[in-house]
Amino acid sequence: MDNLKSNDELIKEILSPDEQTELYDKVEKEVKKKRGGARAGAGRKKKDPDNVLIFQIRVSKKEKQFLAYARSHNLDYDSLMQG
């Protein structure tokens, strides 16, 4: 059990450097064909730090009117909730 070798170690022992790169290129090409493989452009897109996210909530027209009124008149929500 102490003489176990990984696939990478065996590839380095058996194949020449040119053959190794050819094998790795074939493997990478095959992985790109499959769903979920390491593909170019996979994963989350990078966000621009200057781009500010827009916060959106779904409210009724009446709630939207109230929010606009509260913002324009600088209502203190904390004092309103104290009741």
Protein backbone atom coordinates (compact mmCIF):
# COMPACT_ATOMS: atom_id res chain seq x y z
CA MET A 1 0.00 0.00 0.00
CA ASP A 2 2.95 2.36 0.50
CA ASN A 3 3.83 2.21 -3.22
CA LEU A 4 0.56 3.70 -4.47
CA LYS A 5 0.98 6.40 -7.08
CA SER A 6 -1.43 9.06 -8.27
CA ASN A 7 -2.52 9.38 -11.89
CA ASP A 8 -0.39 12.49 -12.29
CA GLU A 9 2.71 10.66 -11.06
CA LEU A 10 2.11 7.77 -13.47
CA ILE A 11 1.54 10.16 -16.37
CA LYS A 12 4.82 11.93 -15.61
CA GLU A 13 6.71 8.61 -15.45
CA ILE A 14 5.26 7.03 -18.59
CA LEU A 15 4.68 9.90 -21.03
CA SER A 16 7.03 12.46 -22.51
CA PRO A 17 6.32 16.17 -21.84
CA ASP A 18 4.78 16.59 -25.31
CA GLU A 19 2.54 13.58 -24.77
CA GLN A 20 1.56 14.91 -21.35
CA THR A 21 0.44 18.27 -22.74
CA GLU A 22 -1.46 16.51 -25.54
CA LEU A 23 -3.23 14.28 -23.01
CA TYR A 24 -4.10 17.19 -20.72
CA ASP A 25 -5.42 19.20 -23.70
CA LYS A 26 -7.65 16.29 -24.73
CA VAL A 27 -8.94 15.91 -21.18
CA GLU A 28 -9.66 19.64 -20.89
CA LYS A 29 -11.46 19.63 -24.24
CA GLU A 30 -13.60 16.66 -23.15
CA VAL A 31 -14.43 18.29 -19.81
CA LYS A 32 -15.60 21.45 -21.57
CA LYS A 33 -18.14 19.38 -23.51
CA LYS A 34 -19.80 18.08 -20.36
CA ARG A 35 -22.23 20.05 -18.27
CA GLY A 36 -20.76 21.42 -15.06
CA GLY A 37 -17.17 21.16 -16.21
CA ALA A 38 -14.58 23.86 -15.85
CA ARG A 39 -15.66 26.06 -18.75
CA ALA A 40 -14.59 29.52 -19.72
CA GLY A 41 -17.13 32.00 -18.38
CA ALA A 42 -18.61 29.52 -15.89
CA GLY A 43 -19.55 30.80 -12.46
CA ARG A 44 -20.50 34.19 -11.14
CA LYS A 45 -19.70 37.23 -13.21
CA LYS A 46 -17.38 39.83 -11.74
CA LYS A 47 -19.19 42.91 -10.46
CA ASP A 48 -18.05 46.42 -11.17
CA PRO A 49 -17.28 48.03 -7.77
CA ASP A 50 -18.66 51.34 -9.01
CA ASN A 51 -21.94 49.70 -10.01
CA VAL A 52 -24.46 50.17 -7.22
CA LEU A 53 -27.07 47.45 -6.89
CA ILE A 54 -30.71 48.45 -7.16
CA PHE A 55 -32.87 47.29 -4.25
CA GLN A 56 -36.35 46.32 -5.35
CA ILE A 57 -39.38 45.24 -3.37
CA ARG A 58 -42.90 44.51 -4.51
CA VAL A 59 -45.49 46.76 -2.94
CA SER A 60 -49.02 47.81 -3.75
CA LYS A 61 -49.80 51.21 -5.25
CA LYS A 62 -51.06 52.46 -1.90
CA GLU A 63 -47.85 51.35 -0.15
CA LYS A 64 -45.80 52.95 -2.90
CA GLN A 65 -47.65 56.25 -2.42
CA PHE A 66 -47.07 56.08 1.33
CA LEU A 67 -43.36 55.42 0.88
CA ALA A 68 -43.04 58.35 -1.53
CA TYR A 69 -44.93 60.60 0.93
CA ALA A 70 -42.80 59.42 3.87
CA ARG A 71 -39.56 60.04 1.97
CA SER A 72 -40.60 63.48 0.78
CA HIS A 73 -41.67 64.55 4.32
CA ASN A 74 -38.71 62.90 6.11
CA LEU A 75 -40.90 60.79 8.39
CA ASP A 76 -39.10 59.01 11.21
CA TYR A 77 -40.19 55.37 10.94
CA ASP A 78 -38.88 54.52 14.41
CA SER A 79 -41.07 57.11 16.09
CA LEU A 80 -44.08 55.98 14.06
CA MET A 81 -43.60 52.37 15.15
CA GLN A 82 -43.33 53.38 18.82
CA GLY A 83 -46.99 54.29 18.51
